[in-house]
Amino acid sequence: MGWTRWNYDDIDIHTSDTEVTASVTVSNVGPRHGHETVQAYLEFHGDGPERPARWLAGFAVVDAAPGETTTASIRIPARAFQVWDPDSAGWQTPSGTYVLQVGRSVSDIRFTRDTPHP
């Protein structure tokens, strides 16, 4: 917990062959300088192996003075989408819809977006 307040203003998602990057614009709207840990969770909707309802896929820490806006760049590697397949003895990305949730914590989600996987 910090001594300031944060607005989550915008999110932009980019996908490459190896990762997804979520660029999250946040503003320090409180009276003090502060640090914020912006967290990204993945959720899977589809058939396939049993998985947790959502899992932490990445995070970034930002610093800002009062009234300042900054961007947290969260790298989510392809492995965050994958599960181990014992039949092929390798990592596989199950087909289905992946939902990216970004916020202060798993109980304080600010953005929810469908996201393509790498």
N, C-alpha and C. Protein backbone atom coordinates (compact mmCIF):
# COMPACT_ATOMS: atom_id res chain seq x y z
N MET A 1 0.84 -1.18 0.00
CA MET A 1 0.00 0.00 0.00
C MET A 1 0.88 1.24 0.00
N GLY A 2 0.46 2.23 -0.73
CA GLY A 2 1.22 3.46 -0.82
C GLY A 2 0.49 4.60 -0.16
N TRP A 3 1.08 5.75 -0.25
CA TRP A 3 0.51 6.94 0.36
C TRP A 3 -0.05 7.88 -0.69
N THR A 4 -0.47 7.33 -1.81
CA THR A 4 -1.04 8.14 -2.88
C THR A 4 -2.14 7.34 -3.56
N ARG A 5 -2.80 7.95 -4.55
CA ARG A 5 -3.88 7.28 -5.28
C ARG A 5 -3.52 7.25 -6.76
N TRP A 6 -4.02 6.22 -7.46
CA TRP A 6 -3.68 6.03 -8.87
C TRP A 6 -4.94 5.87 -9.71
N ASN A 7 -4.95 6.53 -10.86
CA ASN A 7 -5.95 6.28 -11.89
C ASN A 7 -5.31 5.41 -12.97
N TYR A 8 -6.06 4.45 -13.46
CA TYR A 8 -5.64 3.64 -14.60
C TYR A 8 -6.36 4.24 -15.81
N ASP A 9 -5.60 4.90 -16.69
CA ASP A 9 -6.19 5.72 -17.74
C ASP A 9 -6.44 4.99 -19.05
N ASP A 10 -5.50 4.13 -19.47
CA ASP A 10 -5.60 3.52 -20.79
C ASP A 10 -4.75 2.26 -20.84
N ILE A 11 -5.08 1.39 -21.80
CA ILE A 11 -4.28 0.19 -22.03
C ILE A 11 -4.14 -0.03 -23.53
N ASP A 12 -2.96 -0.46 -23.95
CA ASP A 12 -2.68 -0.76 -25.34
C ASP A 12 -1.96 -2.11 -25.35
N ILE A 13 -2.43 -3.02 -26.19
CA ILE A 13 -1.87 -4.38 -26.21
C ILE A 13 -1.22 -4.64 -27.56
N HIS A 14 0.02 -5.12 -27.53
CA HIS A 14 0.76 -5.48 -28.75
C HIS A 14 1.17 -6.94 -28.64
N THR A 15 1.07 -7.68 -29.74
CA THR A 15 1.42 -9.09 -29.76
C THR A 15 2.52 -9.33 -30.79
N SER A 16 3.53 -10.11 -30.39
CA SER A 16 4.58 -10.53 -31.31
C SER A 16 4.61 -12.06 -31.31
N ASP A 17 5.60 -12.63 -31.97
CA ASP A 17 5.72 -14.10 -32.00
C ASP A 17 6.13 -14.67 -30.65
N THR A 18 6.71 -13.85 -29.79
CA THR A 18 7.26 -14.37 -28.54
C THR A 18 6.60 -13.85 -27.27
N GLU A 19 5.80 -12.77 -27.39
CA GLU A 19 5.21 -12.21 -26.18
C GLU A 19 4.06 -11.27 -26.50
N VAL A 20 3.32 -10.96 -25.45
CA VAL A 20 2.31 -9.90 -25.49
C VAL A 20 2.83 -8.80 -24.58
N THR A 21 2.70 -7.56 -25.02
CA THR A 21 3.09 -6.44 -24.18
C THR A 21 1.87 -5.57 -23.93
N ALA A 22 1.58 -5.36 -22.65
CA ALA A 22 0.49 -4.47 -22.26
C ALA A 22 1.10 -3.17 -21.77
N SER A 23 0.81 -2.08 -22.46
CA SER A 23 1.26 -0.75 -22.05
C SER A 23 0.10 -0.08 -21.33
N VAL A 24 0.26 0.16 -20.04
CA VAL A 24 -0.81 0.68 -19.20
C VAL A 24 -0.44 2.08 -18.72
N THR A 25 -1.27 3.05 -19.08
CA THR A 25 -1.04 4.43 -18.67
C THR A 25 -1.72 4.65 -17.33
N VAL A 26 -0.93 5.10 -16.36
CA VAL A 26 -1.46 5.36 -15.01
C VAL A 26 -1.07 6.78 -14.58
N SER A 27 -1.90 7.38 -13.75
CA SER A 27 -1.65 8.73 -13.26
C SER A 27 -1.68 8.75 -11.74
N ASN A 28 -0.71 9.43 -11.17
CA ASN A 28 -0.69 9.63 -9.73
C ASN A 28 -1.61 10.82 -9.43
N VAL A 29 -2.78 10.54 -8.87
CA VAL A 29 -3.76 11.59 -8.58
C VAL A 29 -3.78 11.95 -7.10
N GLY A 30 -2.82 11.42 -6.35
CA GLY A 30 -2.75 11.70 -4.92
C GLY A 30 -1.77 12.82 -4.62
N PRO A 31 -1.57 13.10 -3.32
CA PRO A 31 -0.75 14.23 -2.90
C PRO A 31 0.75 13.94 -2.76
N ARG A 32 1.17 12.67 -2.93
CA ARG A 32 2.57 12.32 -2.68
C ARG A 32 3.17 11.53 -3.83
N HIS A 33 4.49 11.57 -3.89
CA HIS A 33 5.22 10.71 -4.82
C HIS A 33 4.91 9.27 -4.46
N GLY A 34 4.82 8.39 -5.46
CA GLY A 34 4.50 7.01 -5.13
C GLY A 34 4.98 6.00 -6.14
N HIS A 35 4.90 4.74 -5.74
CA HIS A 35 5.23 3.58 -6.56
C HIS A 35 3.95 2.78 -6.72
N GLU A 36 3.73 2.24 -7.92
CA GLU A 36 2.57 1.41 -8.18
C GLU A 36 3.02 0.14 -8.88
N THR A 37 2.54 -1.00 -8.44
CA THR A 37 2.79 -2.27 -9.10
C THR A 37 1.55 -2.61 -9.92
N VAL A 38 1.70 -2.54 -11.23
CA VAL A 38 0.61 -2.84 -12.15
C VAL A 38 0.72 -4.32 -12.50
N GLN A 39 -0.36 -5.06 -12.25
CA GLN A 39 -0.34 -6.51 -12.41
C GLN A 39 -1.21 -6.95 -13.58
N ALA A 40 -0.76 -8.00 -14.30
CA ALA A 40 -1.51 -8.56 -15.43
C ALA A 40 -1.81 -10.02 -15.15
N TYR A 41 -3.06 -10.38 -15.32
CA TYR A 41 -3.53 -11.75 -15.12
C TYR A 41 -4.11 -12.28 -16.42
N LEU A 42 -3.96 -13.58 -16.65
CA LEU A 42 -4.58 -14.24 -17.79
C LEU A 42 -5.69 -15.15 -17.30
N GLU A 43 -6.72 -15.24 -18.12
CA GLU A 43 -7.85 -16.12 -17.87
C GLU A 43 -8.10 -16.86 -19.18
N PHE A 44 -8.39 -18.16 -19.12
CA PHE A 44 -8.59 -18.97 -20.32
C PHE A 44 -10.04 -19.41 -20.42
N HIS A 45 -10.62 -19.24 -21.62
CA HIS A 45 -11.97 -19.70 -21.89
C HIS A 45 -11.89 -20.64 -23.09
N GLY A 46 -12.09 -21.91 -22.84
CA GLY A 46 -12.04 -22.89 -23.92
C GLY A 46 -11.88 -24.28 -23.34
N ASP A 47 -11.86 -25.25 -24.25
CA ASP A 47 -11.63 -26.64 -23.83
C ASP A 47 -10.14 -26.86 -23.70
N GLY A 48 -9.82 -27.79 -22.85
CA GLY A 48 -8.41 -28.09 -22.67
C GLY A 48 -8.14 -28.51 -21.24
N PRO A 49 -6.89 -28.52 -20.89
CA PRO A 49 -6.51 -28.96 -19.54
C PRO A 49 -7.07 -28.02 -18.48
N GLU A 50 -7.28 -28.58 -17.31
CA GLU A 50 -7.76 -27.78 -16.19
C GLU A 50 -6.69 -26.78 -15.79
N ARG A 51 -7.15 -25.55 -15.56
CA ARG A 51 -6.24 -24.48 -15.18
C ARG A 51 -6.88 -23.68 -14.06
N PRO A 52 -6.09 -22.84 -13.39
CA PRO A 52 -6.69 -21.93 -12.42
C PRO A 52 -7.64 -20.97 -13.13
N ALA A 53 -8.55 -20.37 -12.40
CA ALA A 53 -9.49 -19.40 -12.98
C ALA A 53 -8.72 -18.26 -13.64
N ARG A 54 -7.65 -17.79 -13.02
CA ARG A 54 -6.75 -16.77 -13.58
C ARG A 54 -5.40 -16.93 -12.90
N TRP A 55 -4.38 -16.46 -13.59
CA TRP A 55 -3.03 -16.58 -13.04
C TRP A 55 -2.24 -15.32 -13.36
N LEU A 56 -1.31 -14.99 -12.46
CA LEU A 56 -0.45 -13.83 -12.65
C LEU A 56 0.47 -14.11 -13.83
N ALA A 57 0.44 -13.24 -14.84
CA ALA A 57 1.23 -13.43 -16.04
C ALA A 57 2.40 -12.46 -16.14
N GLY A 58 2.32 -11.35 -15.41
CA GLY A 58 3.39 -10.37 -15.45
C GLY A 58 3.03 -9.14 -14.63
N PHE A 59 4.04 -8.31 -14.39
CA PHE A 59 3.80 -7.07 -13.65
C PHE A 59 4.91 -6.07 -13.96
N ALA A 60 4.65 -4.83 -13.65
CA ALA A 60 5.64 -3.76 -13.80
C ALA A 60 5.44 -2.75 -12.69
N VAL A 61 6.52 -2.15 -12.25
CA VAL A 61 6.48 -1.13 -11.19
C VAL A 61 6.79 0.22 -11.82
N VAL A 62 5.98 1.21 -11.47
CA VAL A 62 6.20 2.57 -11.95
C VAL A 62 6.30 3.52 -10.77
N ASP A 63 6.95 4.66 -11.00
CA ASP A 63 7.08 5.73 -10.02
C ASP A 63 6.54 7.00 -10.65
N ALA A 64 5.89 7.82 -9.84
CA ALA A 64 5.40 9.10 -10.37
C ALA A 64 5.21 10.10 -9.24
N ALA A 65 5.45 11.33 -9.57
CA ALA A 65 5.21 12.45 -8.65
C ALA A 65 3.72 12.80 -8.69
N PRO A 66 3.23 13.57 -7.74
CA PRO A 66 1.83 13.97 -7.76
C PRO A 66 1.47 14.67 -9.09
N GLY A 67 0.37 14.25 -9.69
CA GLY A 67 -0.09 14.84 -10.94
C GLY A 67 0.60 14.30 -12.19
N GLU A 68 1.58 13.43 -12.02
CA GLU A 68 2.34 12.91 -13.15
C GLU A 68 1.68 11.66 -13.72
N THR A 69 1.80 11.47 -15.04
CA THR A 69 1.30 10.29 -15.74
C THR A 69 2.49 9.52 -16.28
N THR A 70 2.43 8.20 -16.21
CA THR A 70 3.52 7.36 -16.69
C THR A 70 2.92 6.09 -17.30
N THR A 71 3.76 5.30 -17.95
CA THR A 71 3.30 4.07 -18.59
C THR A 71 4.04 2.87 -18.03
N ALA A 72 3.28 1.88 -17.62
CA ALA A 72 3.84 0.59 -17.18
C ALA A 72 3.83 -0.34 -18.39
N SER A 73 4.97 -0.91 -18.71
CA SER A 73 5.09 -1.84 -19.82
C SER A 73 5.24 -3.25 -19.25
N ILE A 74 4.21 -4.05 -19.42
CA ILE A 74 4.20 -5.41 -18.86
C ILE A 74 4.43 -6.41 -19.98
N ARG A 75 5.53 -7.13 -19.91
CA ARG A 75 5.84 -8.18 -20.88
C ARG A 75 5.26 -9.50 -20.40
N ILE A 76 4.46 -10.12 -21.26
CA ILE A 76 3.85 -11.41 -20.93
C ILE A 76 4.40 -12.43 -21.93
N PRO A 77 5.31 -13.29 -21.49
CA PRO A 77 5.95 -14.23 -22.42
C PRO A 77 4.97 -15.30 -22.90
N ALA A 78 5.28 -15.88 -24.06
CA ALA A 78 4.43 -16.94 -24.63
C ALA A 78 4.20 -18.06 -23.62
N ARG A 79 5.20 -18.35 -22.79
CA ARG A 79 5.08 -19.45 -21.81
C ARG A 79 3.93 -19.24 -20.85
N ALA A 80 3.53 -18.00 -20.59
CA ALA A 80 2.42 -17.73 -19.68
C ALA A 80 1.10 -18.27 -20.22
N PHE A 81 1.01 -18.48 -21.53
CA PHE A 81 -0.19 -19.01 -22.16
C PHE A 81 -0.17 -20.54 -22.25
N GLN A 82 0.97 -21.15 -22.00
CA GLN A 82 1.16 -22.56 -22.28
C GLN A 82 0.95 -23.47 -21.07
N VAL A 83 0.69 -24.74 -21.38
CA VAL A 83 0.61 -25.81 -20.37
C VAL A 83 1.46 -26.97 -20.87
N TRP A 84 1.92 -27.78 -19.95
CA TRP A 84 2.72 -28.95 -20.31
C TRP A 84 1.80 -30.05 -20.81
N ASP A 85 2.13 -30.60 -21.97
CA ASP A 85 1.37 -31.70 -22.55
C ASP A 85 2.20 -32.98 -22.45
N PRO A 86 1.81 -33.90 -21.55
CA PRO A 86 2.61 -35.11 -21.37
C PRO A 86 2.62 -36.01 -22.60
N ASP A 87 1.56 -35.97 -23.41
CA ASP A 87 1.51 -36.82 -24.61
C ASP A 87 2.58 -36.43 -25.62
N SER A 88 2.80 -35.13 -25.80
CA SER A 88 3.83 -34.69 -26.74
C SER A 88 5.14 -34.35 -26.04
N ALA A 89 5.14 -34.44 -24.71
CA ALA A 89 6.32 -34.11 -23.89
C ALA A 89 6.83 -32.71 -24.24
N GLY A 90 5.89 -31.74 -24.32
CA GLY A 90 6.29 -30.37 -24.62
C GLY A 90 5.22 -29.38 -24.20
N TRP A 91 5.58 -28.12 -24.28
CA TRP A 91 4.66 -27.04 -23.93
C TRP A 91 3.73 -26.78 -25.10
N GLN A 92 2.43 -26.63 -24.81
CA GLN A 92 1.42 -26.36 -25.83
C GLN A 92 0.56 -25.17 -25.40
N THR A 93 0.07 -24.42 -26.38
CA THR A 93 -0.86 -23.33 -26.12
C THR A 93 -2.26 -23.82 -26.49
N PRO A 94 -3.12 -24.08 -25.50
CA PRO A 94 -4.47 -24.55 -25.82
C PRO A 94 -5.25 -23.53 -26.65
N SER A 95 -6.03 -24.01 -27.60
CA SER A 95 -6.88 -23.14 -28.41
C SER A 95 -8.05 -22.65 -27.57
N GLY A 96 -8.40 -21.41 -27.75
CA GLY A 96 -9.51 -20.82 -27.01
C GLY A 96 -9.29 -19.33 -26.89
N THR A 97 -10.10 -18.70 -26.08
CA THR A 97 -10.02 -17.26 -25.87
C THR A 97 -9.23 -16.98 -24.59
N TYR A 98 -8.27 -16.08 -24.69
CA TYR A 98 -7.51 -15.64 -23.53
C TYR A 98 -7.95 -14.22 -23.18
N VAL A 99 -8.19 -13.99 -21.92
CA VAL A 99 -8.61 -12.68 -21.44
C VAL A 99 -7.50 -12.12 -20.56
N LEU A 100 -7.09 -10.90 -20.86
CA LEU A 100 -6.07 -10.20 -20.08
C LEU A 100 -6.77 -9.27 -19.12
N GLN A 101 -6.43 -9.39 -17.85
CA GLN A 101 -6.99 -8.51 -16.82
C GLN A 101 -5.83 -7.76 -16.17
N VAL A 102 -5.97 -6.44 -16.07
CA VAL A 102 -4.89 -5.61 -15.54
C VAL A 102 -5.44 -4.74 -14.42
N GLY A 103 -4.67 -4.65 -13.34
CA GLY A 103 -5.09 -3.82 -12.23
C GLY A 103 -4.07 -3.77 -11.12
N ARG A 104 -4.53 -3.31 -9.98
CA ARG A 104 -3.66 -3.18 -8.81
C ARG A 104 -3.42 -4.53 -8.14
N SER A 105 -4.42 -5.41 -8.24
CA SER A 105 -4.35 -6.75 -7.65
C SER A 105 -5.43 -7.60 -8.30
N VAL A 106 -5.46 -8.86 -7.95
CA VAL A 106 -6.48 -9.76 -8.50
C VAL A 106 -7.88 -9.35 -8.05
N SER A 107 -7.98 -8.64 -6.95
CA SER A 107 -9.29 -8.18 -6.47
C SER A 107 -9.60 -6.74 -6.85
N ASP A 108 -8.70 -6.10 -7.62
CA ASP A 108 -8.91 -4.71 -8.05
C ASP A 108 -8.49 -4.59 -9.52
N ILE A 109 -9.30 -5.20 -10.40
CA ILE A 109 -9.02 -5.21 -11.84
C ILE A 109 -9.57 -3.93 -12.46
N ARG A 110 -8.75 -3.26 -13.27
CA ARG A 110 -9.15 -2.00 -13.89
C ARG A 110 -9.48 -2.15 -15.38
N PHE A 111 -8.83 -3.10 -16.09
CA PHE A 111 -9.08 -3.34 -17.51
C PHE A 111 -9.24 -4.83 -17.76
N THR A 112 -10.16 -5.18 -18.64
CA THR A 112 -10.34 -6.57 -19.08
C THR A 112 -10.45 -6.55 -20.61
N ARG A 113 -9.57 -7.30 -21.27
CA ARG A 113 -9.54 -7.32 -22.74
C ARG A 113 -9.27 -8.74 -23.22
N ASP A 114 -9.99 -9.16 -24.28
CA ASP A 114 -9.58 -10.38 -24.98
C ASP A 114 -8.22 -10.09 -25.60
N THR A 115 -7.35 -11.09 -25.62
CA THR A 115 -6.03 -10.87 -26.18
C THR A 115 -5.61 -12.06 -27.02
N PRO A 116 -5.01 -11.79 -28.17
CA PRO A 116 -4.42 -12.88 -28.95
C PRO A 116 -3.18 -13.40 -28.22
N HIS A 117 -2.84 -14.64 -28.46
CA HIS A 117 -1.63 -15.17 -27.84
C HIS A 117 -0.52 -15.24 -28.88
N PRO A 118 0.73 -15.22 -28.39
CA PRO A 118 1.87 -15.28 -29.32
C PRO A 118 1.96 -16.63 -30.01
